[in-house]
Amino acid sequence: MAIIAGIDCGTQSTKVLCYDTQKREVIALTSSKHNMISKEDGTREQEATLFINAIKDCFAQIPTNIKKNIEGIGVSGQQHGFVALDKNGEPLVPVKLWCDTSTSSQCDTLTEKLGGKDKVFELIGNQILPGYTASKVLFLKEHNKVAYDKLAHILLPHDYINYYLTGEYTMEEGDTSGTAFFDVRNRVWSKEVLEAIDSERDLSNTLPKLIKPTEAAGKVQSSTAIELGLSNNVIVSCGGGDNMMGAIGTGCTDEGSLVMSFGTSGTLFGYSEKCIADDKERLAAFISSSGGYLPLLCTMNCTVASEQIRDLFKKDVKEFDTIAASAPIGCNGVTLLPYFNGERTPNYPNGKATIIGLNTTNTNESNIARAALESAIYSMKVGLEAFVEQGFKAKKLILIGGGAKSQIWCQMISDAFGLEVVIPEISEAAAFGGCIQVLSLLENKKISEVAKEFVTMSDSNHYLAESKNYKAYENSYKSYRKYDSALSSIFSSKE
């Protein structure tokens, strides 16, 4: 048994979690905030060096006696970000992030070159969307030819951190499945997409070797060990995207496991032994970083609506929840569409937040507040419908993220989904997923076996669905879908 560490490099911050496998407890948790470069054209970027500086800051906060006893590290990183490196491993440009929407025209260009959306789906099992990596590479080629000509290595954020730790260039199939130049059904690079990005250059030469969840990315190199205060021979697992590692950290490693991450953005994902590719474009056909598949819904506006309305009403979280709880299910006819940031699922580049159904009797804080809470749930319920259509049978819903701290939200989700909701004991699921993954290497066990042994759910925080409330939510959800459908042509327009 050992002390292990999980690094979670997210959009807003980097966190490092240290776990004592003998005591079965978190013995250190540190964090360092990130800044973001934002522009009106949808640009969302961060400097790659920021990730490394944040990691150094996190490890500097960990007591020396803990750091020196760390035997393994697993890395989680925000998905899709394009880290462009030169031949010396130095960043060429800021990292375009998953939430960057400035590459919409490049998505259209690639889709058209490849023969349309149906052909793209046939080739890779997904569509080429602004969030994914492929269009970001083309964007660099079109907008910064000098940097593009120096491009020697294409990495994702967690791959870049692995490179910093080990000095090795690697990728793994889970995070790679979100690049849009990877064929998820056959688990190989898509030559067609790479050629559509650049027909004159073999971009496969810029891609690192693919490794399996059962393989290590390497060991922490001596220079990095000195910088972070680690001992020699610390093993680094393959790591993965934040959703993939969150799945491992919540025990979503066997058939029927369903997880909802309820934060500024929202994800709903489940473990499957077979590839689930959704031709209606609701679920991304991702691969799990524990061996199977991880079909996933991602929305860019989950708790954003409640945060915006709460700020508008000048209420703290507790006050806002109390006000919302005083309104009935369905908010007396008030519906809120939560597209403050445009949207990824559904694909609404011109989406706008919209309050519909107001009249002289229902225009009050409580109805609007509850409509904001319900909107986040309904945007995720679209994903549940997709899972059901694909034959996925959820046993229960594991809830993580900021929304899991709200009792009213937890009960609303349970009732609206008709599922038992449970909360993991360790809330930092992605970082803990890194711990579980590297522990599987140290103990030479399957990731699913280690997850079953170490991932536990809170005894005091679980919620059972009430059937009468489920019916009321179904009626309210129908109104939400009706309004959403009516405005879809406006929201999906790129003008």
Protein backbone atom coordinates (compact mmCIF):
# COMPACT_ATOMS: atom_id res chain seq x y z
CA MET A 1 0.00 0.00 0.00
CA ALA A 2 1.23 3.49 -0.82
CA ILE A 3 0.68 7.23 -0.92
CA ILE A 4 -0.48 8.23 -4.38
CA ALA A 5 -1.41 11.52 -6.01
CA GLY A 6 -3.97 12.66 -8.56
CA ILE A 7 -3.51 15.85 -10.55
CA ASP A 8 -6.64 17.48 -11.99
CA CYS A 9 -5.88 20.29 -14.45
CA GLY A 10 -9.25 21.94 -15.08
CA THR A 11 -10.36 25.14 -16.76
CA GLN A 12 -10.53 27.23 -13.60
CA SER A 13 -7.80 25.64 -11.51
CA THR A 14 -5.36 22.79 -10.99
CA LYS A 15 -5.76 20.54 -7.96
CA VAL A 16 -3.52 17.90 -6.46
CA LEU A 17 -5.01 15.24 -4.20
CA CYS A 18 -2.80 12.95 -2.10
CA TYR A 19 -4.34 9.71 -0.89
CA ASP A 20 -3.10 7.27 1.75
CA THR A 21 -4.16 3.83 0.52
CA GLN A 22 -3.54 2.22 3.91
CA LYS A 23 -5.58 4.70 5.92
CA ARG A 24 -7.98 5.09 2.97
CA GLU A 25 -8.19 8.82 3.33
CA VAL A 26 -7.23 12.04 1.58
CA ILE A 27 -4.19 13.43 3.39
CA ALA A 28 -3.63 16.54 1.29
CA LEU A 29 -5.63 18.60 -1.22
CA THR A 30 -4.14 21.72 -2.76
CA SER A 31 -5.20 24.01 -5.59
CA SER A 32 -3.97 26.85 -7.77
CA LYS A 33 -6.25 29.08 -9.84
CA HIS A 34 -6.01 29.63 -13.61
CA ASN A 35 -6.54 32.75 -15.69
CA MET A 36 -8.23 32.60 -19.09
CA ILE A 37 -7.81 34.63 -22.25
CA SER A 38 -11.33 35.49 -23.49
CA LYS A 39 -12.35 37.42 -26.58
CA GLU A 40 -15.67 38.42 -28.12
CA ASP A 41 -15.15 36.08 -31.09
CA GLY A 42 -15.48 33.07 -28.78
CA THR A 43 -11.76 32.65 -28.12
CA ARG A 44 -11.03 30.87 -24.84
CA GLU A 45 -7.34 30.17 -24.28
CA GLN A 46 -4.74 29.55 -21.59
CA GLU A 47 -0.96 29.54 -21.66
CA ALA A 48 0.45 26.00 -21.42
CA THR A 49 3.06 27.21 -18.95
CA LEU A 50 0.19 28.15 -16.64
CA PHE A 51 -0.58 24.45 -16.18
CA ILE A 52 2.98 23.68 -15.11
CA ASN A 53 3.24 26.69 -12.82
CA ALA A 54 -0.04 25.69 -11.16
CA ILE A 55 1.27 22.17 -10.57
CA LYS A 56 4.45 23.55 -9.01
CA ASP A 57 2.34 25.80 -6.79
CA CYS A 58 0.15 22.87 -5.72
CA PHE A 59 3.11 20.64 -4.82
CA ALA A 60 4.77 23.50 -2.94
CA GLN A 61 1.74 23.48 -0.62
CA ILE A 62 2.06 19.76 0.17
CA PRO A 63 4.10 18.83 3.29
CA THR A 64 7.52 17.38 2.46
CA ASN A 65 6.91 14.14 4.36
CA ILE A 66 3.92 13.43 2.10
CA LYS A 67 5.61 14.41 -1.17
CA LYS A 68 8.65 12.27 -0.51
CA ASN A 69 6.44 9.19 -0.02
CA ILE A 70 4.35 9.52 -3.17
CA GLU A 71 4.83 6.38 -5.28
CA GLY A 72 2.53 7.09 -8.21
CA ILE A 73 0.74 9.95 -10.00
CA GLY A 74 -2.30 9.92 -12.28
CA VAL A 75 -3.21 12.99 -14.33
CA SER A 76 -6.64 14.29 -15.32
CA GLY A 77 -6.91 17.18 -17.76
CA GLN A 78 -9.61 19.28 -19.37
CA GLN A 79 -10.51 17.61 -22.65
CA HIS A 80 -9.93 18.74 -26.25
CA GLY A 81 -7.45 21.57 -25.64
CA PHE A 82 -4.84 21.87 -28.40
CA VAL A 83 -1.30 22.07 -27.00
CA ALA A 84 1.02 22.87 -29.93
CA LEU A 85 4.71 22.18 -29.28
CA ASP A 86 7.84 22.71 -31.34
CA LYS A 87 10.60 20.11 -31.80
CA ASN A 88 12.05 21.02 -28.40
CA GLY A 89 8.75 20.52 -26.60
CA GLU A 90 8.16 24.26 -26.15
CA PRO A 91 4.63 25.69 -26.55
CA LEU A 92 4.14 27.63 -29.79
CA VAL A 93 0.86 29.40 -29.00
CA PRO A 94 -1.69 29.59 -26.17
CA VAL A 95 -3.84 26.48 -25.72
CA LYS A 96 -7.25 26.69 -27.34
CA LEU A 97 -9.65 25.19 -24.79
CA TRP A 98 -12.72 22.94 -24.97
CA CYS A 99 -14.98 25.98 -24.48
CA ASP A 100 -13.42 27.93 -27.36
CA THR A 101 -16.06 28.51 -30.06
CA SER A 102 -13.97 30.58 -32.48
CA THR A 103 -13.32 27.62 -34.81
CA SER A 104 -16.86 27.12 -36.05
CA SER A 105 -15.94 27.92 -39.67
CA GLN A 106 -13.06 25.42 -39.56
CA CYS A 107 -15.54 22.75 -38.45
CA ASP A 108 -17.69 23.54 -41.47
CA THR A 109 -14.66 23.43 -43.76
CA LEU A 110 -13.54 20.03 -42.52
CA THR A 111 -17.06 18.58 -42.60
CA GLU A 112 -17.54 19.76 -46.19
CA LYS A 113 -14.14 18.39 -47.29
CA LEU A 114 -15.00 15.01 -45.82
CA GLY A 115 -18.33 14.75 -47.62
CA GLY A 116 -20.84 16.02 -45.08
CA LYS A 117 -22.03 15.11 -41.61
CA ASP A 118 -23.15 11.58 -42.46
CA LYS A 119 -19.74 10.76 -43.92
CA VAL A 120 -17.97 12.26 -40.89
CA PHE A 121 -20.11 10.16 -38.54
CA GLU A 122 -19.26 7.09 -40.60
CA LEU A 123 -15.54 7.87 -40.39
CA ILE A 124 -15.08 8.73 -36.72
CA GLY A 125 -18.36 7.99 -34.89
CA ASN A 126 -18.68 11.67 -33.90
CA GLN A 127 -19.10 15.03 -35.59
CA ILE A 128 -16.45 17.72 -35.90
CA LEU A 129 -17.53 20.35 -33.39
CA PRO A 130 -15.87 23.58 -32.17
CA GLY A 131 -15.12 22.03 -28.79
CA TYR A 132 -13.00 19.26 -30.28
CA THR A 133 -9.33 19.47 -31.23
CA ALA A 134 -9.36 18.96 -35.02
CA SER A 135 -10.73 22.38 -35.93
CA LYS A 136 -8.22 24.03 -33.58
CA VAL A 137 -5.33 22.54 -35.58
CA LEU A 138 -6.78 23.87 -38.82
CA PHE A 139 -7.34 27.25 -37.16
CA LEU A 140 -3.62 27.43 -36.33
CA LYS A 141 -2.72 26.52 -39.90
CA GLU A 142 -4.97 29.25 -41.31
CA HIS A 143 -4.22 32.00 -38.78
CA ASN A 144 -0.61 31.48 -37.70
CA LYS A 145 1.36 29.79 -40.48
CA VAL A 146 4.70 30.59 -38.82
CA ALA A 147 3.75 28.66 -35.67
CA TYR A 148 2.07 25.90 -37.67
CA ASP A 149 5.20 25.28 -39.73
CA LYS A 150 7.11 24.73 -36.47
CA LEU A 151 4.48 22.31 -35.13
CA ALA A 152 6.21 19.08 -34.11
CA HIS A 153 3.94 17.67 -31.41
CA ILE A 154 0.17 17.73 -30.94
CA LEU A 155 -0.83 17.06 -27.35
CA LEU A 156 -3.89 17.48 -25.13
CA PRO A 157 -3.59 19.23 -21.74
CA HIS A 158 -3.19 16.05 -19.71
CA ASP A 159 -0.67 14.71 -22.25
CA TYR A 160 1.35 17.89 -21.85
CA ILE A 161 1.42 17.44 -18.08
CA ASN A 162 2.50 13.83 -18.56
CA TYR A 163 5.27 15.14 -20.83
CA TYR A 164 6.37 17.59 -18.15
CA LEU A 165 6.40 14.78 -15.59
CA THR A 166 8.07 12.05 -17.64
CA GLY A 167 9.70 13.66 -20.68
CA GLU A 168 7.69 11.22 -22.85
CA TYR A 169 5.17 12.10 -25.57
CA THR A 170 2.10 9.88 -25.13
CA MET A 171 -1.67 9.84 -25.60
CA GLU A 172 -4.32 7.39 -24.48
CA GLU A 173 -7.54 6.43 -26.21
CA GLY A 174 -10.01 8.04 -23.79
CA ASP A 175 -8.90 11.64 -24.12
CA THR A 176 -7.90 11.05 -27.75
CA SER A 177 -11.47 10.01 -28.63
CA GLY A 178 -12.45 13.67 -28.15
CA THR A 179 -10.08 15.07 -30.77
CA ALA A 180 -12.30 14.39 -33.83
CA PHE A 181 -9.34 12.92 -35.68
CA PHE A 182 -9.70 9.52 -34.01
CA ASP A 183 -11.91 6.67 -35.25
CA VAL A 184 -13.58 5.54 -32.00
CA ARG A 185 -15.07 2.35 -33.43
CA ASN A 186 -11.73 0.98 -34.62
CA ARG A 187 -9.56 2.89 -32.14
CA VAL A 188 -7.17 4.28 -34.77
CA TRP A 189 -6.22 7.71 -36.09
CA SER A 190 -8.48 8.90 -38.88
CA LYS A 191 -6.23 9.42 -41.87
CA GLU A 192 -9.10 11.08 -43.71
CA VAL A 193 -9.58 13.80 -41.07
CA LEU A 194 -5.84 14.42 -40.74
CA GLU A 195 -5.57 14.79 -44.53
CA ALA A 196 -8.55 17.15 -44.55
CA ILE A 197 -6.69 19.36 -42.08
CA ASP A 198 -3.53 19.26 -44.19
CA SER A 199 -3.23 17.28 -47.44
CA GLU A 200 0.40 18.31 -47.98
CA ARG A 201 1.78 17.24 -44.63
CA ASP A 202 1.54 13.95 -42.76
CA LEU A 203 0.15 15.15 -39.43
CA SER A 204 0.37 11.64 -38.00
CA ASN A 205 4.07 12.40 -37.51
CA THR A 206 3.09 15.03 -34.94
CA LEU A 207 1.02 12.57 -32.90
CA PRO A 208 2.58 10.60 -30.03
CA LYS A 209 2.31 6.89 -29.39
CA LEU A 210 -0.97 5.60 -28.00
CA ILE A 211 -0.80 3.73 -24.72
CA LYS A 212 -3.38 1.58 -22.90
CA PRO A 213 -4.85 2.08 -19.40
CA THR A 214 -2.69 -0.85 -18.33
CA GLU A 215 0.47 0.99 -19.40
CA ALA A 216 2.41 3.72 -17.64
CA ALA A 217 3.24 6.99 -19.37
CA GLY A 218 6.63 6.68 -17.71
CA LYS A 219 8.39 7.67 -14.51
CA VAL A 220 8.87 11.19 -13.19
CA GLN A 221 12.11 12.50 -14.67
CA SER A 222 14.78 13.69 -12.26
CA SER A 223 14.52 17.40 -13.14
CA THR A 224 10.78 17.42 -12.46
CA ALA A 225 11.18 15.34 -9.30
CA ILE A 226 13.58 17.94 -7.94
CA GLU A 227 11.23 20.82 -8.86
CA LEU A 228 8.23 19.17 -7.20
CA GLY A 229 10.04 17.67 -4.22
CA LEU A 230 9.37 14.06 -5.20
CA SER A 231 11.53 11.00 -4.72
CA ASN A 232 12.98 8.99 -7.60
CA ASN A 233 11.05 6.25 -9.47
CA VAL A 234 7.55 7.77 -9.12
CA ILE A 235 5.37 6.04 -11.70
CA VAL A 236 2.94 8.05 -13.88
CA SER A 237 -0.14 6.30 -15.29
CA CYS A 238 -1.56 7.07 -18.73
CA GLY A 239 -4.06 9.52 -17.24
CA GLY A 240 -7.02 10.80 -19.23
CA GLY A 241 -9.53 13.55 -19.87
CA ASP A 242 -11.38 14.97 -16.88
CA ASN A 243 -14.59 13.12 -17.69
CA MET A 244 -12.78 9.83 -18.16
CA MET A 245 -10.92 10.24 -14.89
CA GLY A 246 -14.08 11.43 -13.17
CA ALA A 247 -15.70 8.19 -14.28
CA ILE A 248 -12.92 6.17 -12.64
CA GLY A 249 -13.01 8.31 -9.49
CA THR A 250 -16.75 7.68 -9.05
CA GLY A 251 -16.59 3.96 -9.77
CA CYS A 252 -18.18 4.31 -13.22
CA THR A 253 -16.22 1.36 -14.56
CA ASP A 254 -18.88 -1.27 -15.18
CA GLU A 255 -22.04 -1.60 -17.29
CA GLY A 256 -24.98 0.51 -16.15
CA SER A 257 -23.01 3.10 -14.18
CA LEU A 258 -24.23 6.63 -14.91
CA VAL A 259 -22.58 9.83 -13.69
CA MET A 260 -23.68 13.45 -13.87
CA SER A 261 -21.14 16.21 -13.33
CA PHE A 262 -23.14 19.26 -12.36
CA GLY A 263 -21.04 22.42 -12.57
CA THR A 264 -20.71 25.49 -14.79
CA SER A 265 -20.70 23.04 -17.65
CA GLY A 266 -22.55 19.77 -17.32
CA THR A 267 -21.75 16.24 -18.38
CA LEU A 268 -23.71 13.02 -18.26
CA PHE A 269 -21.79 9.86 -19.02
CA GLY A 270 -22.05 6.13 -18.54
CA TYR A 271 -19.79 3.12 -18.87
CA SER A 272 -20.49 0.72 -21.73
CA GLU A 273 -18.68 -2.35 -23.00
CA LYS A 274 -19.77 -1.51 -26.55
CA CYS A 275 -19.28 1.64 -28.60
CA ILE A 276 -22.38 3.85 -28.47
CA ALA A 277 -22.43 6.30 -31.38
CA ASP A 278 -25.47 8.59 -31.45
CA ASP A 279 -26.43 9.75 -34.95
CA LYS A 280 -28.69 12.42 -33.40
CA GLU A 281 -25.56 14.14 -32.06
CA ARG A 282 -26.60 14.19 -28.40
CA LEU A 283 -24.00 11.77 -27.06
CA ALA A 284 -20.32 11.90 -27.91
CA ALA A 285 -18.91 8.44 -28.65
CA PHE A 286 -16.00 8.59 -26.25
CA ILE A 287 -13.75 5.82 -24.99
CA SER A 288 -13.24 5.14 -21.29
CA SER A 289 -9.78 5.45 -19.75
CA SER A 290 -10.43 2.20 -17.90
CA GLY A 291 -10.91 -0.01 -20.96
CA GLY A 292 -14.47 0.25 -22.28
CA TYR A 293 -16.48 3.14 -23.73
CA LEU A 294 -17.89 6.29 -22.19
CA PRO A 295 -20.80 7.78 -24.19
CA LEU A 296 -21.20 11.34 -22.97
CA LEU A 297 -23.47 14.37 -23.16
CA CYS A 298 -21.78 17.74 -22.59
CA THR A 299 -23.52 21.08 -22.15
CA MET A 300 -21.83 24.44 -21.75
CA ASN A 301 -24.64 25.89 -19.63
CA CYS A 302 -25.45 23.84 -16.57
CA THR A 303 -25.34 25.86 -13.35
CA VAL A 304 -24.71 29.04 -15.37
CA ALA A 305 -28.42 29.93 -15.38
CA SER A 306 -28.79 29.70 -11.61
CA GLU A 307 -25.57 31.69 -11.12
CA GLN A 308 -26.73 34.44 -13.49
CA ILE A 309 -30.23 34.70 -12.01
CA ARG A 310 -28.89 34.50 -8.45
CA ASP A 311 -26.54 37.42 -9.18
CA LEU A 312 -29.43 39.32 -10.76
CA PHE A 313 -31.55 38.82 -7.64
CA LYS A 314 -28.54 39.54 -5.38
CA LYS A 315 -29.03 36.38 -3.29
CA ASP A 316 -26.55 33.96 -1.80
CA VAL A 317 -26.84 30.25 -2.63
CA LYS A 318 -28.88 29.34 0.44
CA GLU A 319 -31.34 32.21 -0.07
CA PHE A 320 -31.69 31.38 -3.75
CA ASP A 321 -32.42 27.69 -3.06
CA THR A 322 -35.04 28.64 -0.46
CA ILE A 323 -36.78 31.00 -2.89
CA ALA A 324 -36.72 28.39 -5.66
CA ALA A 325 -38.12 25.70 -3.34
CA SER A 326 -41.17 27.84 -2.65
CA ALA A 327 -42.32 27.54 -6.28
CA PRO A 328 -44.05 24.40 -7.59
CA ILE A 329 -42.64 21.98 -10.16
CA GLY A 330 -43.07 23.64 -13.54
CA CYS A 331 -42.77 27.12 -12.02
CA ASN A 332 -46.41 27.99 -12.75
CA GLY A 333 -45.67 27.95 -16.48
CA VAL A 334 -42.35 29.82 -16.46
CA THR A 335 -39.62 28.15 -18.55
CA LEU A 336 -35.99 29.19 -18.88
CA LEU A 337 -33.75 28.10 -21.76
CA PRO A 338 -30.21 28.35 -20.31
CA TYR A 339 -28.06 29.19 -23.34
CA PHE A 340 -26.06 32.06 -21.87
CA ASN A 341 -22.89 30.88 -23.63
CA GLY A 342 -24.36 29.54 -26.84
CA GLU A 343 -24.43 25.75 -26.60
CA ARG A 344 -22.60 22.62 -27.62
CA THR A 345 -25.42 20.10 -27.11
CA PRO A 346 -27.68 20.94 -28.81
CA ASN A 347 -25.38 22.67 -31.31
CA TYR A 348 -26.56 26.26 -30.86
CA PRO A 349 -23.70 28.64 -31.77
CA ASN A 350 -26.16 31.52 -31.61
CA GLY A 351 -28.03 30.30 -28.53
CA LYS A 352 -29.29 32.88 -26.04
CA ALA A 353 -30.78 32.51 -22.59
CA THR A 354 -34.54 32.98 -22.81
CA ILE A 355 -37.35 33.20 -20.25
CA ILE A 356 -40.70 32.15 -21.70
CA GLY A 357 -44.22 31.88 -20.31
CA LEU A 358 -44.35 34.97 -18.14
CA ASN A 359 -47.75 36.50 -17.45
CA THR A 360 -49.26 38.90 -14.93
CA THR A 361 -49.62 36.24 -12.23
CA ASN A 362 -46.44 34.17 -12.44
CA THR A 363 -43.76 36.86 -12.84
CA ASN A 364 -41.96 36.61 -9.53
CA GLU A 365 -38.58 35.66 -8.11
CA SER A 366 -39.56 32.19 -6.93
CA ASN A 367 -40.83 30.98 -10.32
CA ILE A 368 -37.88 32.41 -12.22
CA ALA A 369 -35.40 31.04 -9.65
CA ARG A 370 -36.86 27.56 -9.85
CA ALA A 371 -37.00 27.76 -13.66
CA ALA A 372 -33.25 28.41 -13.61
CA LEU A 373 -32.68 25.28 -11.50
CA GLU A 374 -35.01 23.19 -13.67
CA SER A 375 -33.36 24.36 -16.89
CA ALA A 376 -30.05 22.79 -15.87
CA ILE A 377 -31.79 19.49 -15.15
CA TYR A 378 -33.75 19.49 -18.39
CA SER A 379 -30.68 20.26 -20.49
CA MET A 380 -29.15 17.09 -19.01
CA LYS A 381 -32.34 15.04 -19.31
CA VAL A 382 -31.88 15.24 -23.08
CA GLY A 383 -28.86 13.02 -22.54
CA LEU A 384 -30.80 10.55 -20.41
CA GLU A 385 -33.29 10.15 -23.25
CA ALA A 386 -30.41 9.37 -25.60
CA PHE A 387 -29.01 6.75 -23.22
CA VAL A 388 -32.41 5.09 -22.94
CA GLU A 389 -32.82 5.04 -26.73
CA GLN A 390 -29.46 3.29 -27.01
CA GLY A 391 -30.66 0.55 -24.66
CA PHE A 392 -28.60 1.78 -21.70
CA LYS A 393 -30.13 0.72 -18.38
CA ALA A 394 -28.97 2.95 -15.55
CA LYS A 395 -28.81 1.42 -12.09
CA LYS A 396 -28.56 4.76 -10.30
CA LEU A 397 -27.19 8.25 -10.85
CA ILE A 398 -23.87 9.25 -9.30
CA LEU A 399 -23.78 13.04 -8.87
CA ILE A 400 -20.62 15.16 -8.67
CA GLY A 401 -19.78 18.83 -9.12
CA GLY A 402 -20.99 21.98 -7.39
CA GLY A 403 -24.65 21.04 -7.86
CA ALA A 404 -24.15 17.96 -5.67
CA LYS A 405 -23.80 20.29 -2.66
CA SER A 406 -27.40 21.52 -3.04
CA GLN A 407 -29.99 19.29 -1.37
CA ILE A 408 -32.86 20.84 -3.31
CA TRP A 409 -31.06 20.26 -6.61
CA CYS A 410 -30.20 16.65 -5.70
CA GLN A 411 -33.82 15.83 -4.91
CA MET A 412 -35.03 17.64 -8.03
CA ILE A 413 -32.62 15.60 -10.18
CA SER A 414 -33.70 12.34 -8.56
CA ASP A 415 -37.38 13.12 -9.13
CA ALA A 416 -36.94 14.44 -12.68
CA PHE A 417 -34.78 11.48 -13.76
CA GLY A 418 -36.69 8.85 -11.83
CA LEU A 419 -33.42 7.48 -10.43
CA GLU A 420 -31.78 7.12 -7.05
CA VAL A 421 -29.09 9.79 -6.66
CA VAL A 422 -25.92 9.04 -4.69
CA ILE A 423 -22.92 11.23 -3.83
CA PRO A 424 -19.32 9.94 -3.62
CA GLU A 425 -17.46 10.39 -0.35
CA ILE A 426 -14.53 11.97 -2.20
CA SER A 427 -15.89 14.87 -4.23
CA GLU A 428 -12.72 15.53 -6.26
CA ALA A 429 -13.63 12.73 -8.65
CA ALA A 430 -11.17 13.49 -11.47
CA ALA A 431 -8.15 13.78 -9.20
CA PHE A 432 -9.21 10.67 -7.29
CA GLY A 433 -9.64 8.89 -10.62
CA GLY A 434 -5.97 9.58 -11.24
CA CYS A 435 -5.19 7.97 -7.90
CA ILE A 436 -7.28 4.87 -8.70
CA GLN A 437 -5.72 4.50 -12.14
CA VAL A 438 -2.12 4.64 -10.95
CA LEU A 439 -2.91 2.40 -7.98
CA SER A 440 -4.09 -0.26 -10.44
CA LEU A 441 -0.59 -0.20 -11.95
CA LEU A 442 1.14 -0.38 -8.58
CA GLU A 443 -1.03 -3.31 -7.49
CA ASN A 444 -1.24 -4.95 -10.93
CA LYS A 445 -5.04 -5.09 -10.79
CA LYS A 446 -7.84 -4.06 -13.13
CA ILE A 447 -8.96 -0.47 -12.73
CA SER A 448 -12.54 -1.63 -12.13
CA GLU A 449 -11.40 -3.88 -9.28
CA VAL A 450 -9.49 -1.07 -7.57
CA ALA A 451 -12.43 1.32 -8.07
CA LYS A 452 -14.85 -1.12 -6.41
CA GLU A 453 -12.48 -1.44 -3.47
CA PHE A 454 -11.75 2.24 -2.87
CA VAL A 455 -14.68 4.32 -4.22
CA THR A 456 -17.42 4.71 -1.61
CA MET A 457 -20.69 6.62 -1.56
CA SER A 458 -21.92 8.90 1.22
CA ASP A 459 -24.27 7.19 3.66
CA SER A 460 -25.96 10.46 4.56
CA ASN A 461 -26.40 11.89 1.06
CA HIS A 462 -28.65 9.78 -1.13
CA TYR A 463 -31.99 10.68 -2.67
CA LEU A 464 -34.90 8.51 -3.80
CA ALA A 465 -37.24 9.56 -6.60
CA GLU A 466 -40.89 10.26 -5.79
CA SER A 467 -43.19 8.96 -8.52
CA LYS A 468 -45.75 11.77 -8.24
CA ASN A 469 -43.02 14.35 -8.72
CA TYR A 470 -41.60 12.45 -11.69
CA LYS A 471 -44.93 12.84 -13.55
CA ALA A 472 -45.02 16.58 -12.81
CA TYR A 473 -41.46 16.99 -14.08
CA GLU A 474 -42.33 15.08 -17.25
CA ASN A 475 -45.07 17.63 -18.04
CA SER A 476 -42.74 20.55 -17.31
CA TYR A 477 -39.99 18.96 -19.40
CA LYS A 478 -42.38 18.70 -22.36
CA SER A 479 -42.90 22.47 -22.20
CA TYR A 480 -39.14 23.01 -22.07
CA ARG A 481 -38.64 20.83 -25.14
CA LYS A 482 -41.50 22.53 -26.99
CA TYR A 483 -40.02 25.99 -26.51
CA ASP A 484 -36.52 24.74 -27.29
CA SER A 485 -37.71 23.19 -30.54
CA ALA A 486 -39.53 26.37 -31.54
CA LEU A 487 -36.38 28.47 -31.17
CA SER A 488 -33.90 25.91 -32.49
CA SER A 489 -33.70 27.39 -35.99
CA ILE A 490 -32.73 30.79 -34.53
CA PHE A 491 -30.24 29.35 -32.05
CA SER A 492 -28.57 27.08 -34.60
CA SER A 493 -28.04 29.92 -37.07
CA LYS A 494 -24.45 31.14 -37.33
CA GLU A 495 -25.40 34.62 -38.47
